[in-house]
C-alpha atoms as a PDB file:
ATOM      1  CA  MET A   1     -47.082  39.414   8.989  1.00  0.00           C
ATOM      2  CA  ASP A   2     -43.479  38.853  10.047  1.00  0.00           C
ATOM      3  CA  ASN A   3     -40.972  40.178   7.425  1.00  0.00           C
ATOM      4  CA  ARG A   4     -38.473  37.409   8.203  1.00  0.00           C
ATOM      5  CA  LEU A   5     -40.777  34.863   6.606  1.00  0.00           C
ATOM      6  CA  LYS A   6     -41.346  36.868   3.458  1.00  0.00           C
ATOM      7  CA  ILE A   7     -39.719  35.341   0.401  1.00  0.00           C
ATOM      8  CA  ASN A   8     -38.671  37.830  -2.253  1.00  0.00           C
ATOM      9  CA  GLN A   9     -37.578  35.382  -4.933  1.00  0.00           C
ATOM     10  CA  PRO A  10     -39.397  32.507  -6.588  1.00  0.00           C
ATOM     11  CA  ILE A  11     -38.394  29.029  -5.515  1.00  0.00           C
ATOM     12  CA  ARG A  12     -36.561  27.102  -8.231  1.00  0.00           C
ATOM     13  CA  PRO A  13     -35.200  23.551  -8.279  1.00  0.00           C
ATOM     14  CA  LEU A  14     -31.597  23.224  -7.216  1.00  0.00           C
ATOM     15  CA  GLU A  15     -28.965  22.835  -9.926  1.00  0.00           C
ATOM     16  CA  GLN A  16     -27.082  20.437  -7.676  1.00  0.00           C
ATOM     17  CA  ASN A  17     -29.683  17.714  -8.201  1.00  0.00           C
ATOM     18  CA  LYS A  18     -28.819  17.621 -11.899  1.00  0.00           C
ATOM     19  CA  ASN A  19     -25.109  17.268 -11.087  1.00  0.00           C
ATOM     20  CA  ILE A  20     -25.756  14.455  -8.605  1.00  0.00           C
ATOM     21  CA  ASN A  21     -27.822  12.558 -11.185  1.00  0.00           C
ATOM     22  CA  ARG A  22     -25.009  12.952 -13.741  1.00  0.00           C
ATOM     23  CA  LYS A  23     -22.416  11.587 -11.280  1.00  0.00           C
ATOM     24  CA  ASN A  24     -24.613   8.602 -10.434  1.00  0.00           C
ATOM     25  CA  GLN A  25     -25.163   7.934 -14.110  1.00  0.00           C
ATOM     26  CA  GLN A  26     -21.393   8.007 -14.763  1.00  0.00           C
ATOM     27  CA  LYS A  27     -20.810   5.520 -11.936  1.00  0.00           C
ATOM     28  CA  ASN A  28     -23.462   3.196 -13.377  1.00  0.00           C
ATOM     29  CA  ASP A  29     -21.889   3.421 -16.832  1.00  0.00           C
ATOM     30  CA  LYS A  30     -18.732   1.675 -15.590  1.00  0.00           C
ATOM     31  CA  ASN A  31     -20.696  -1.413 -14.437  1.00  0.00           C
ATOM     32  CA  VAL A  32     -17.974  -2.573 -12.056  1.00  0.00           C
ATOM     33  CA  SER A  33     -19.142  -5.464  -9.946  1.00  0.00           C
ATOM     34  CA  PHE A  34     -18.576  -5.577  -6.214  1.00  0.00           C
ATOM     35  CA  LYS A  35     -16.457  -8.705  -6.608  1.00  0.00           C
ATOM     36  CA  GLU A  36     -14.131  -6.999  -9.103  1.00  0.00           C
ATOM     37  CA  LEU A  37     -13.798  -3.940  -6.902  1.00  0.00           C
ATOM     38  CA  LEU A  38     -13.099  -6.070  -3.815  1.00  0.00           C
ATOM     39  CA  ASN A  39     -10.464  -8.136  -5.636  1.00  0.00           C
ATOM     40  CA  GLU A  40      -8.795  -4.948  -6.873  1.00  0.00           C
ATOM     41  CA  LYS A  41      -8.641  -3.498  -3.354  1.00  0.00           C
ATOM     42  CA  LEU A  42      -7.306  -6.762  -1.904  1.00  0.00           C
ATOM     43  CA  ALA A  43      -4.603  -6.909  -4.574  1.00  0.00           C
ATOM     44  CA  ASP A  44      -3.552  -3.351  -3.703  1.00  0.00           C
ATOM     45  CA  LYS A  45      -3.485  -4.244  -0.015  1.00  0.00           C
ATOM     46  CA  ASN A  46      -1.143  -7.204  -0.631  1.00  0.00           C
ATOM     47  CA  LYS A  47       1.148  -5.197  -2.874  1.00  0.00           C
ATOM     48  CA  ILE A  48       4.625  -4.510  -1.470  1.00  0.00           C
ATOM     49  CA  ASN A  49       5.514  -0.853  -1.050  1.00  0.00           C
ATOM     50  CA  PHE A  50       9.014   0.591  -0.783  1.00  0.00           C
ATOM     51  CA  SER A  51       9.535   3.598   1.471  1.00  0.00           C
ATOM     52  CA  LYS A  52      11.515   6.578   0.172  1.00  0.00           C
ATOM     53  CA  HIS A  53      14.403   5.557   2.423  1.00  0.00           C
ATOM     54  CA  ALA A  54      14.370   2.028   0.988  1.00  0.00           C
ATOM     55  CA  GLN A  55      14.316   3.414  -2.560  1.00  0.00           C
ATOM     56  CA  LYS A  56      17.374   5.556  -1.766  1.00  0.00           C
ATOM     57  CA  ARG A  57      19.192   2.541  -0.293  1.00  0.00           C
ATOM     58  CA  LEU A  58      18.384   0.391  -3.313  1.00  0.00           C
ATOM     59  CA  ASP A  59      19.693   3.114  -5.624  1.00  0.00           C
ATOM     60  CA  SER A  60      22.809   4.003  -3.623  1.00  0.00           C
ATOM     61  CA  ARG A  61      23.806   0.353  -3.156  1.00  0.00           C
ATOM     62  CA  SER A  62      22.897  -0.635  -6.734  1.00  0.00           C
ATOM     63  CA  ILE A  63      20.512  -3.333  -5.571  1.00  0.00           C
ATOM     64  CA  SER A  64      18.222  -4.577  -8.315  1.00  0.00           C
ATOM     65  CA  VAL A  65      14.975  -6.284  -7.377  1.00  0.00           C
ATOM     66  CA  SER A  66      13.691  -8.827  -9.898  1.00  0.00           C
ATOM     67  CA  GLU A  67      10.198 -10.264 -10.141  1.00  0.00           C
ATOM     68  CA  LYS A  68      11.505 -13.486  -8.594  1.00  0.00           C
ATOM     69  CA  ASP A  69      12.936 -11.492  -5.669  1.00  0.00           C
ATOM     70  CA  LEU A  70       9.601  -9.715  -5.207  1.00  0.00           C
ATOM     71  CA  ASP A  71       7.789 -13.056  -5.194  1.00  0.00           C
ATOM     72  CA  GLN A  72      10.162 -14.399  -2.540  1.00  0.00           C
ATOM     73  CA  LEU A  73       9.832 -11.189  -0.528  1.00  0.00           C
ATOM     74  CA  THR A  74       6.034 -11.447  -0.721  1.00  0.00           C
ATOM     75  CA  SER A  75       6.212 -15.066   0.403  1.00  0.00           C
ATOM     76  CA  GLY A  76       8.491 -14.088   3.294  1.00  0.00           C
ATOM     77  CA  ILE A  77       6.108 -11.327   4.375  1.00  0.00           C
ATOM     78  CA  GLU A  78       3.180 -13.762   4.310  1.00  0.00           C
ATOM     79  CA  LYS A  79       5.144 -16.247   6.455  1.00  0.00           C
ATOM     80  CA  ALA A  80       6.069 -13.530   8.947  1.00  0.00           C
ATOM     81  CA  LYS A  81       2.473 -12.297   9.028  1.00  0.00           C
ATOM     82  CA  ALA A  82       1.220 -15.822   9.710  1.00  0.00           C
ATOM     83  CA  LYS A  83       3.483 -15.993  12.774  1.00  0.00           C
ATOM     84  CA  GLY A  84       2.271 -12.607  14.054  1.00  0.00           C
ATOM     85  CA  ALA A  85       5.408 -10.632  13.215  1.00  0.00           C
ATOM     86  CA  ARG A  86       5.262  -6.856  12.973  1.00  0.00           C
ATOM     87  CA  ASP A  87       8.753  -5.791  11.883  1.00  0.00           C
ATOM     88  CA  SER A  88      10.877  -8.417  10.210  1.00  0.00           C
ATOM     89  CA  LEU A  89      14.252  -8.920   8.572  1.00  0.00           C
ATOM     90  CA  ILE A  90      13.734 -10.892   5.366  1.00  0.00           C
ATOM     91  CA  MET A  91      16.772 -12.278   3.534  1.00  0.00           C
ATOM     92  CA  VAL A  92      16.400 -12.774  -0.213  1.00  0.00           C
ATOM     93  CA  ASN A  93      19.421 -13.569  -2.426  1.00  0.00           C
ATOM     94  CA  ASN A  94      22.010 -12.111  -0.030  1.00  0.00           C
ATOM     95  CA  VAL A  95      20.004  -8.902   0.456  1.00  0.00           C
ATOM     96  CA  ALA A  96      18.460  -8.066   3.817  1.00  0.00           C
ATOM     97  CA  TYR A  97      15.133  -6.244   3.714  1.00  0.00           C
ATOM     98  CA  ILE A  98      13.703  -4.699   6.869  1.00  0.00           C
ATOM     99  CA  VAL A  99       9.945  -4.862   6.400  1.00  0.00           C
ATOM    100  CA  SER A 100       6.956  -3.470   8.263  1.00  0.00           C
ATOM    101  CA  VAL A 101       4.851  -6.607   7.942  1.00  0.00           C
ATOM    102  CA  GLU A 102       1.628  -4.874   9.025  1.00  0.00           C
ATOM    103  CA  ASN A 103       1.948  -2.281   6.237  1.00  0.00           C
ATOM    104  CA  ASN A 104       3.639  -4.464   3.567  1.00  0.00           C
ATOM    105  CA  THR A 105       6.327  -1.786   3.372  1.00  0.00           C
ATOM    106  CA  VAL A 106      10.044  -2.308   2.895  1.00  0.00           C
ATOM    107  CA  VAL A 107      11.730   0.152   5.252  1.00  0.00           C
ATOM    108  CA  THR A 108      15.324  -0.380   4.160  1.00  0.00           C
ATOM    109  CA  ALA A 109      17.548  -2.765   2.214  1.00  0.00           C
ATOM    110  CA  VAL A 110      21.146  -3.848   2.827  1.00  0.00           C
ATOM    111  CA  ASP A 111      23.248  -5.832   0.364  1.00  0.00           C
ATOM    112  CA  GLY A 112      25.882  -8.438   1.283  1.00  0.00           C
ATOM    113  CA  LYS A 113      28.795  -5.974   1.026  1.00  0.00           C
ATOM    114  CA  SER A 114      27.219  -3.476   3.401  1.00  0.00           C
ATOM    115  CA  MET A 115      25.931  -6.143   5.786  1.00  0.00           C
ATOM    116  CA  LYS A 116      29.300  -6.966   7.341  1.00  0.00           C
ATOM    117  CA  GLU A 117      29.365  -6.139  11.064  1.00  0.00           C
ATOM    118  CA  ASN A 118      25.896  -4.605  10.810  1.00  0.00           C
ATOM    119  CA  VAL A 119      23.412  -4.690  13.693  1.00  0.00           C
ATOM    120  CA  PHE A 120      19.687  -4.853  12.962  1.00  0.00           C
ATOM    121  CA  THR A 121      17.462  -3.432  15.689  1.00  0.00           C
ATOM    122  CA  ASN A 122      13.730  -2.994  16.215  1.00  0.00           C
ATOM    123  CA  ILE A 123      12.790  -6.262  14.543  1.00  0.00           C
ATOM    124  CA  ASP A 124      10.822  -9.092  16.083  1.00  0.00           C
ATOM    125  CA  SER A 125      11.540 -11.810  13.525  1.00  0.00           C
ATOM    126  CA  ALA A 126      13.810 -12.950  10.718  1.00  0.00           C
ATOM    127  CA  VAL A 127      12.855 -14.914   7.602  1.00  0.00           C
ATOM    128  CA  ILE A 128      15.535 -16.501   5.415  1.00  0.00           C
ATOM    129  CA  MET A 129      14.314 -17.193   1.869  1.00  0.00           C
ATOM    130  CA  LYS A 130      16.266 -19.353  -0.586  1.00  0.00           C
END
């Protein structure tokens, strides 16, 4: 008989199977429906993100963003997206936001004081919100 096929230890069930069953049981305990999970993911996808650079600009220029401003910014992004824009300048309450429309990410923000004689490049659209 070939020694390579000789088994020196008894065969026991794997401990991993118990862990897998526990994980599956924990997932089932939450009872989250597919619809709820899908709606949660879609809400996260439509959420506006601010890049680190944009956060620094908002802080250094003392620009405050209210809920109303965020709603207008969201509306502006949706309008730009509907027209096929990729990178857009969106004006909301005398603040210019440069937005990556595809990623829902504000890249930078410029207030009215800093906007004088400013040139905006690498944008393909502009949306003026009132």
